[in-house]
Amino acid sequence: MTINDRAIKFYSTQSINIKDKQSILEVLASGYLSRGPKIEEFEKKIGKICNNKNVLTVNSATSALQLAYQIHGIKKNSIVWTTPLTFVATANTAIHFGAKIDFVDIDPATLNICPSLLKKKLKEAKNSANLPDFLTVVHFGGNPCDMDKIFELSKKYKFKIIEDASHALGATYKGTRIGECNYSCATVFSFHPVKMITTGEGGALLLNSETDKQKACRLRSHGIDLLRKEKNTDRPEWYYEQVDLGYNFRMSEIQAALGSSQIDRLGSFVETRNQLAECYRESLSDLPIKFQETLSNCYSSHHLFTIEITDRNFARDDLYRFFRDRNIGCQVHYIPVHMQPFYKEMGFSEGMFKNVEHYFLNCLSLPLHQGLKEIDIQFVSDELHDFFKKN
């Protein structure tokens, strides 16, 4: 079998079956392409999986994050901290509100925000009267952050926690589902095609109160309050009231139908990813590479399987080209946000967050998705062994 015959040319990809396709056809035949029953059905399924009834679907995780910030009081000059190891949208969204952004370095083992470094930075910020209003944590690769320690710090220093869980649908932290919002005021999921499930594009916002949910519902659809019509039965059917300045962040019925079908397989998707990740660990344990560590009593969704080269005689970019020449999908996650040109113009520079910079120089995400089989993982592992032998 040749390399091109293997389903490994993407580091991750969607899995679409006949049921998914049929769900979309049913919507097309129903007459409801927007604001129909599939939205509510999908939101209920997310809520059941995450043990949280306060769920809104939206057109992207970025939109969900924008709503999370807004309903919890972000404003111009609010201070927002996050990890530099994330996609730029995590930080960009706060800046759109005029907030001031800063970063907390990662734990080299978990690749998430380091609680010890966070504690140190908070002490320094208190002395300079520059404490954050928000901390947006990122469950990198689907690996849950150490939320107990972060939550304790939030109580002491009075900041709000938002969970960017774009990678982490299906993950658990010490018996609680990511998305329950036990440690945060909001959680954000992504349904981009490379994520755990897909709606093509799309996302979800999970909140920890019904009041927040209703406010987010209004903002999702232009700030219009349809509940006022329902409470006043004497109002005509065409009546509506705009009570906030909102957006059009709605998900379509087509997207929701696909998501509702996909989420029925979430458990098997996450289980497959974990099994394949374990195959990688076993096959690659003798190589000069380091794996992301998951905290005890936690369960990663394994959106990513990243490796970090520990032998300085080998270069990440050489490995990247080696894989690409063999049509093996791989990717770098991520260029640290503070190293992007936009953020350098804001005053950030290389050398400020050494843990994430060291990781970035040596990291690579290997192919991992539910369409792969153990034979594919072994093939990639064999090629990786070959790389270290030849170099």
Protein backbone atom coordinates (compact mmCIF):
# COMPACT_ATOMS: atom_id res chain seq x y z
CA MET A 1 0.00 0.00 0.00
CA THR A 2 1.41 3.40 -0.96
CA ILE A 3 1.49 6.43 1.29
CA ASN A 4 -1.11 8.21 -0.85
CA ASP A 5 -3.58 5.40 -0.18
CA ARG A 6 -3.58 6.21 3.51
CA ALA A 7 -5.97 8.69 5.12
CA ILE A 8 -3.18 10.70 6.71
CA LYS A 9 -2.66 13.65 4.40
CA PHE A 10 -4.38 15.96 6.93
CA TYR A 11 -3.36 16.34 10.56
CA SER A 12 -7.10 16.35 11.31
CA THR A 13 -10.30 16.23 9.29
CA GLN A 14 -14.05 15.78 9.62
CA SER A 15 -15.87 12.45 9.61
CA ILE A 16 -19.14 12.61 7.67
CA ASN A 17 -21.43 9.59 7.38
CA ILE A 18 -24.74 8.84 5.67
CA LYS A 19 -26.75 9.90 8.74
CA ASP A 20 -25.04 13.30 8.70
CA LYS A 21 -25.91 13.80 5.04
CA GLN A 22 -29.48 12.67 5.56
CA SER A 23 -29.92 15.12 8.43
CA ILE A 24 -29.04 18.00 6.09
CA LEU A 25 -31.40 16.76 3.37
CA GLU A 26 -34.22 16.61 5.91
CA VAL A 27 -33.67 20.26 6.80
CA LEU A 28 -33.64 21.27 3.13
CA ALA A 29 -37.01 19.55 2.72
CA SER A 30 -38.50 20.97 5.92
CA GLY A 31 -38.83 24.61 4.95
CA TYR A 32 -36.87 25.74 8.04
CA LEU A 33 -33.38 26.92 7.10
CA SER A 34 -33.03 29.35 10.00
CA ARG A 35 -34.48 29.58 13.53
CA GLY A 36 -36.08 26.16 13.34
CA PRO A 37 -36.27 23.13 15.64
CA LYS A 38 -32.79 21.78 14.89
CA ILE A 39 -31.14 24.65 16.76
CA GLU A 40 -32.96 23.76 19.97
CA GLU A 41 -32.35 20.04 19.42
CA PHE A 42 -28.60 20.57 19.01
CA GLU A 43 -28.39 22.89 22.01
CA LYS A 44 -30.19 20.33 24.19
CA LYS A 45 -27.77 17.59 23.12
CA ILE A 46 -24.77 19.78 23.94
CA GLY A 47 -26.34 20.61 27.29
CA LYS A 48 -26.90 16.95 28.13
CA ILE A 49 -23.32 16.01 27.30
CA CYS A 50 -21.89 18.95 29.24
CA ASN A 51 -24.37 18.80 32.13
CA ASN A 52 -25.37 22.41 31.52
CA LYS A 53 -28.74 23.68 30.27
CA ASN A 54 -27.51 27.19 29.49
CA VAL A 55 -26.33 26.58 25.92
CA LEU A 56 -26.39 28.79 22.82
CA THR A 57 -25.16 27.79 19.40
CA VAL A 58 -23.53 30.51 17.29
CA ASN A 59 -21.79 30.91 13.95
CA SER A 60 -18.24 30.54 15.35
CA ALA A 61 -16.30 30.04 18.56
CA THR A 62 -14.97 33.58 18.09
CA SER A 63 -18.55 34.91 18.20
CA ALA A 64 -19.18 32.83 21.32
CA LEU A 65 -16.12 34.32 22.97
CA GLN A 66 -17.24 37.83 22.02
CA LEU A 67 -20.61 37.23 23.66
CA ALA A 68 -18.93 35.76 26.74
CA TYR A 69 -16.79 38.86 27.20
CA GLN A 70 -19.64 41.28 26.56
CA ILE A 71 -22.26 39.82 28.89
CA HIS A 72 -19.69 39.68 31.68
CA GLY A 73 -18.85 43.33 31.49
CA ILE A 74 -15.74 43.75 29.39
CA LYS A 75 -15.10 47.35 28.42
CA LYS A 76 -12.41 49.66 27.14
CA ASN A 77 -9.22 49.26 29.20
CA SER A 78 -10.39 46.05 30.89
CA ILE A 79 -7.37 43.85 31.53
CA VAL A 80 -7.51 40.36 29.99
CA TRP A 81 -4.88 37.68 30.46
CA THR A 82 -4.63 34.48 28.46
CA THR A 83 -2.08 31.95 27.26
CA PRO A 84 0.28 32.76 24.38
CA LEU A 85 -0.23 29.19 23.13
CA THR A 86 -3.54 29.57 21.34
CA PHE A 87 -5.05 30.72 18.09
CA VAL A 88 -4.98 34.51 17.78
CA ALA A 89 -8.77 34.84 18.11
CA THR A 90 -8.56 34.18 21.86
CA ALA A 91 -6.69 37.45 22.37
CA ASN A 92 -8.02 39.38 19.37
CA THR A 93 -11.60 39.23 20.59
CA ALA A 94 -10.74 41.06 23.80
CA ILE A 95 -8.81 43.72 21.91
CA HIS A 96 -11.87 44.45 19.75
CA PHE A 97 -13.50 45.76 22.94
CA GLY A 98 -10.54 48.01 23.64
CA ALA A 99 -9.25 45.74 26.39
CA LYS A 100 -5.59 45.49 27.36
CA ILE A 101 -4.16 42.02 26.72
CA ASP A 102 -1.34 40.19 28.49
CA PHE A 103 -0.17 36.61 28.66
CA VAL A 104 0.75 33.96 31.21
CA ASP A 105 3.42 31.42 30.23
CA ILE A 106 2.64 27.73 29.96
CA ASP A 107 3.54 24.72 32.05
CA PRO A 108 6.08 22.84 29.88
CA ALA A 109 4.42 19.53 30.78
CA THR A 110 0.70 20.22 30.27
CA LEU A 111 1.13 23.06 27.73
CA ASN A 112 -1.62 24.95 29.55
CA ILE A 113 -1.38 28.12 31.64
CA CYS A 114 1.01 27.40 34.50
CA PRO A 115 -0.75 27.99 37.85
CA SER A 116 2.55 28.77 39.61
CA LEU A 117 3.52 31.39 37.03
CA LEU A 118 -0.02 32.77 37.16
CA LYS A 119 0.23 33.12 40.94
CA LYS A 120 3.57 34.92 40.64
CA LYS A 121 2.25 37.28 37.97
CA LEU A 122 -0.86 38.06 40.03
CA LYS A 123 1.24 39.00 43.06
CA GLU A 124 3.29 41.35 40.91
CA ALA A 125 0.15 42.80 39.32
CA LYS A 126 -1.41 43.46 42.71
CA ASN A 127 1.63 45.45 43.80
CA SER A 128 1.32 47.62 40.69
CA ALA A 129 -2.51 47.85 40.88
CA ASN A 130 -2.74 46.12 37.51
CA LEU A 131 -4.74 42.97 38.24
CA PRO A 132 -6.71 41.30 35.43
CA ASP A 133 -10.46 41.57 35.08
CA PHE A 134 -10.58 38.36 33.02
CA LEU A 135 -8.43 35.26 32.62
CA THR A 136 -9.25 33.25 29.52
CA VAL A 137 -7.82 29.77 29.90
CA VAL A 138 -7.31 27.48 26.91
CA HIS A 139 -7.59 23.70 27.26
CA PHE A 140 -4.81 23.18 24.73
CA GLY A 141 -5.22 20.13 22.50
CA GLY A 142 -8.25 19.09 24.55
CA ASN A 143 -6.16 18.74 27.72
CA PRO A 144 -7.98 20.31 30.71
CA CYS A 145 -6.23 23.09 32.63
CA ASP A 146 -5.67 22.78 36.37
CA MET A 147 -8.93 24.54 37.14
CA ASP A 148 -8.91 23.99 40.94
CA LYS A 149 -5.74 26.03 41.37
CA ILE A 150 -6.81 28.69 38.88
CA PHE A 151 -10.24 28.99 40.50
CA GLU A 152 -8.71 29.52 43.95
CA LEU A 153 -6.58 32.32 42.54
CA SER A 154 -9.66 33.88 40.90
CA LYS A 155 -11.40 34.07 44.27
CA LYS A 156 -8.39 35.69 45.89
CA TYR A 157 -7.66 38.20 43.13
CA LYS A 158 -11.25 38.77 41.96
CA PHE A 159 -10.98 38.03 38.24
CA LYS A 160 -13.51 36.26 36.02
CA ILE A 161 -12.59 33.02 34.26
CA ILE A 162 -13.63 32.21 30.69
CA GLU A 163 -12.79 28.79 29.26
CA ASP A 164 -11.73 28.66 25.62
CA ALA A 165 -12.56 25.00 25.18
CA SER A 166 -12.46 25.05 21.38
CA HIS A 167 -10.34 21.88 21.55
CA ALA A 168 -12.03 20.23 24.50
CA LEU A 169 -15.57 19.06 23.76
CA GLY A 170 -15.84 15.66 25.43
CA ALA A 171 -13.01 16.26 27.92
CA THR A 172 -13.43 16.04 31.70
CA TYR A 173 -11.68 17.62 34.66
CA LYS A 174 -11.77 15.60 37.89
CA GLY A 175 -15.15 14.11 37.09
CA THR A 176 -16.75 17.30 35.78
CA ARG A 177 -17.45 17.92 32.12
CA ILE A 178 -15.68 20.74 30.36
CA GLY A 179 -18.64 23.03 29.71
CA GLU A 180 -20.31 22.67 33.10
CA CYS A 181 -18.86 26.09 34.02
CA ASN A 182 -18.23 25.04 37.62
CA TYR A 183 -15.01 27.06 37.58
CA SER A 184 -15.90 29.78 35.09
CA CYS A 185 -18.56 32.22 33.98
CA ALA A 186 -18.54 30.90 30.41
CA THR A 187 -17.17 28.13 28.18
CA VAL A 188 -16.66 28.32 24.43
CA PHE A 189 -16.61 25.40 21.96
CA SER A 190 -15.68 25.30 18.26
CA PHE A 191 -17.26 23.15 15.55
CA HIS A 192 -14.71 23.91 12.84
CA PRO A 193 -14.10 20.87 10.55
CA VAL A 194 -10.90 19.84 12.36
CA LYS A 195 -12.50 19.91 15.82
CA MET A 196 -14.16 17.09 17.78
CA ILE A 197 -17.42 17.42 15.86
CA THR A 198 -18.24 19.79 13.03
CA THR A 199 -21.06 21.98 11.76
CA GLY A 200 -18.87 23.23 8.90
CA GLU A 201 -18.25 26.46 10.79
CA GLY A 202 -19.87 27.19 14.12
CA GLY A 203 -19.52 27.26 17.86
CA ALA A 204 -21.32 27.19 21.17
CA LEU A 205 -21.42 29.30 24.30
CA LEU A 206 -22.18 27.69 27.66
CA LEU A 207 -22.97 29.85 30.67
CA ASN A 208 -23.56 29.35 34.36
CA SER A 209 -26.91 31.13 34.71
CA GLU A 210 -30.25 31.39 32.92
CA THR A 211 -30.05 35.19 33.14
CA ASP A 212 -26.74 35.22 31.25
CA LYS A 213 -28.19 32.85 28.67
CA GLN A 214 -31.17 35.11 27.97
CA LYS A 215 -28.92 38.15 27.58
CA ALA A 216 -26.66 36.20 25.21
CA CYS A 217 -29.73 35.08 23.24
CA ARG A 218 -30.68 38.70 22.66
CA LEU A 219 -27.16 39.72 21.65
CA ARG A 220 -26.92 36.73 19.29
CA SER A 221 -29.80 38.13 17.25
CA HIS A 222 -29.46 41.93 17.00
CA GLY A 223 -30.41 42.58 20.63
CA ILE A 224 -34.03 41.65 19.97
CA ASP A 225 -36.06 40.34 22.92
CA LEU A 226 -38.68 37.89 21.66
CA LEU A 227 -39.63 36.89 25.21
CA ARG A 228 -41.40 40.21 25.67
CA LYS A 229 -43.84 39.25 22.92
CA GLU A 230 -44.43 35.85 24.54
CA LYS A 231 -45.16 37.43 27.93
CA ASN A 232 -47.62 39.89 26.40
CA THR A 233 -50.15 37.74 24.58
CA ASP A 234 -52.03 40.79 23.37
CA ARG A 235 -49.10 41.74 21.15
CA PRO A 236 -49.54 40.99 17.43
CA GLU A 237 -47.42 38.26 15.82
CA TRP A 238 -45.20 40.75 13.97
CA TYR A 239 -44.19 42.58 17.15
CA TYR A 240 -40.60 42.66 18.42
CA GLU A 241 -38.41 44.90 20.56
CA GLN A 242 -34.71 45.65 20.32
CA VAL A 243 -33.40 46.20 23.85
CA ASP A 244 -29.63 45.78 23.29
CA LEU A 245 -27.14 46.52 20.52
CA GLY A 246 -26.53 43.01 19.25
CA TYR A 247 -25.20 41.02 16.31
CA ASN A 248 -26.19 38.38 13.81
CA PHE A 249 -24.30 35.45 15.34
CA ARG A 250 -26.95 32.81 14.63
CA MET A 251 -26.21 29.29 13.44
CA SER A 252 -28.32 27.96 10.56
CA GLU A 253 -30.66 24.98 10.72
CA ILE A 254 -28.41 23.15 8.25
CA GLN A 255 -25.41 23.56 10.54
CA ALA A 256 -27.40 22.57 13.61
CA ALA A 257 -28.75 19.44 11.92
CA LEU A 258 -25.22 18.35 11.04
CA GLY A 259 -24.04 19.09 14.56
CA SER A 260 -26.94 17.24 16.12
CA SER A 261 -26.09 14.18 14.05
CA GLN A 262 -22.36 14.47 14.68
CA ILE A 263 -22.65 14.85 18.44
CA ASP A 264 -24.33 11.45 18.69
CA ARG A 265 -20.89 10.01 17.79
CA LEU A 266 -18.85 12.28 20.06
CA GLY A 267 -18.19 9.52 22.58
CA SER A 268 -16.77 7.18 19.94
CA PHE A 269 -14.78 10.02 18.36
CA VAL A 270 -13.09 10.90 21.65
CA GLU A 271 -12.50 7.26 22.56
CA THR A 272 -10.87 6.61 19.17
CA ARG A 273 -8.62 9.65 19.52
CA ASN A 274 -7.50 8.53 22.97
CA GLN A 275 -6.77 5.01 21.75
CA LEU A 276 -4.75 6.31 18.81
CA ALA A 277 -2.87 8.73 21.05
CA GLU A 278 -1.88 5.84 23.28
CA CYS A 279 -0.63 3.95 20.21
CA TYR A 280 1.59 6.91 19.41
CA ARG A 281 2.98 7.01 22.93
CA GLU A 282 3.80 3.33 22.90
CA SER A 283 5.34 3.40 19.42
CA LEU A 284 7.40 6.54 19.96
CA SER A 285 8.53 6.07 23.56
CA ASP A 286 12.13 5.32 22.52
CA LEU A 287 12.59 8.52 20.51
CA PRO A 288 14.00 11.89 21.71
CA ILE A 289 10.57 13.49 21.90
CA LYS A 290 8.28 14.72 24.65
CA PHE A 291 4.50 14.28 24.92
CA GLN A 292 1.89 16.57 26.42
CA GLU A 293 0.98 15.43 29.95
CA THR A 294 -2.58 15.16 31.22
CA LEU A 295 -3.32 15.80 34.89
CA SER A 296 -4.44 12.86 37.02
CA ASN A 297 -8.21 12.40 37.16
CA CYS A 298 -8.57 14.24 33.85
CA TYR A 299 -9.56 12.99 30.43
CA SER A 300 -8.38 14.76 27.29
CA SER A 301 -10.47 14.92 24.14
CA HIS A 302 -7.19 14.75 22.19
CA HIS A 303 -8.05 17.28 19.54
CA LEU A 304 -4.28 17.36 18.93
CA PHE A 305 -1.41 14.98 19.39
CA THR A 306 1.69 17.12 19.71
CA ILE A 307 5.31 16.11 20.09
CA GLU A 308 8.27 18.19 21.18
CA ILE A 309 11.76 17.28 19.93
CA THR A 310 14.19 17.15 22.85
CA ASP A 311 17.43 16.45 20.96
CA ARG A 312 18.99 19.66 19.59
CA ASN A 313 20.60 17.70 16.76
CA PHE A 314 17.17 17.47 15.12
CA ALA A 315 15.11 20.39 13.83
CA ARG A 316 11.34 20.67 13.82
CA ASP A 317 11.22 22.23 10.36
CA ASP A 318 13.30 19.38 8.94
CA LEU A 319 10.77 16.94 10.37
CA TYR A 320 7.91 19.02 8.98
CA ARG A 321 9.40 18.86 5.46
CA PHE A 322 10.19 15.16 5.90
CA PHE A 323 6.52 14.41 6.60
CA ARG A 324 5.21 16.72 3.89
CA ASP A 325 7.44 15.06 1.30
CA ARG A 326 5.76 11.78 2.25
CA ASN A 327 2.24 13.23 2.09
CA ILE A 328 1.80 12.91 5.86
CA GLY A 329 -0.28 15.70 7.33
CA CYS A 330 1.25 17.67 10.18
CA GLN A 331 0.99 21.19 11.55
CA VAL A 332 2.50 23.60 14.07
CA HIS A 333 0.18 24.63 16.91
CA TYR A 334 0.74 27.50 17.40
CA ILE A 335 3.03 30.40 16.64
CA PRO A 336 2.83 32.07 20.09
CA VAL A 337 0.45 35.01 19.95
CA HIS A 338 2.95 37.48 21.41
CA MET A 339 5.33 36.73 18.53
CA GLN A 340 2.87 37.82 15.86
CA PRO A 341 3.67 41.16 14.15
CA PHE A 342 0.45 42.78 15.39
CA TYR A 343 1.32 41.99 18.99
CA LYS A 344 4.95 43.00 18.62
CA GLU A 345 3.68 46.44 17.62
CA MET A 346 1.84 46.48 20.96
CA GLY A 347 5.13 46.01 22.82
CA PHE A 348 5.44 42.24 23.11
CA SER A 349 8.67 40.58 22.02
CA GLU A 350 10.46 37.27 21.86
CA GLY A 351 12.05 36.28 25.15
CA MET A 352 9.07 37.34 27.27
CA PHE A 353 7.52 33.86 27.67
CA LYS A 354 10.34 31.36 27.52
CA ASN A 355 8.41 28.14 28.09
CA VAL A 356 6.04 28.63 25.18
CA GLU A 357 8.85 29.88 22.92
CA HIS A 358 10.95 26.79 23.62
CA TYR A 359 7.97 24.57 22.92
CA PHE A 360 7.16 26.41 19.68
CA LEU A 361 10.65 25.94 18.27
CA ASN A 362 10.47 22.16 18.73
CA CYS A 363 6.80 21.18 18.40
CA LEU A 364 4.78 19.42 15.73
CA SER A 365 1.21 18.08 15.66
CA LEU A 366 1.01 14.57 14.20
CA PRO A 367 -2.02 13.22 12.31
CA LEU A 368 -4.82 12.39 14.72
CA HIS A 369 -8.49 12.05 13.88
CA GLN A 370 -11.29 9.49 14.08
CA GLY A 371 -10.76 8.39 10.47
CA LEU A 372 -7.35 6.89 11.25
CA LYS A 373 -6.63 3.35 12.34
CA GLU A 374 -3.82 1.83 14.38
CA ILE A 375 -2.05 0.77 11.18
CA ASP A 376 -1.91 4.43 10.14
CA ILE A 377 -0.44 5.44 13.49
CA GLN A 378 2.16 2.71 13.16
CA PHE A 379 3.01 3.92 9.67
CA VAL A 380 3.57 7.49 10.89
CA SER A 381 5.58 6.14 13.83
CA ASP A 382 7.78 4.09 11.52
CA GLU A 383 8.44 7.14 9.38
CA LEU A 384 9.30 9.17 12.46
CA HIS A 385 11.79 6.50 13.53
CA ASP A 386 13.26 6.65 10.04
CA PHE A 387 13.67 10.42 10.32
CA PHE A 388 15.71 10.16 13.49
CA LYS A 389 17.86 7.37 12.02
CA LYS A 390 18.65 9.25 8.80
CA ASN A 391 19.42 12.49 10.54
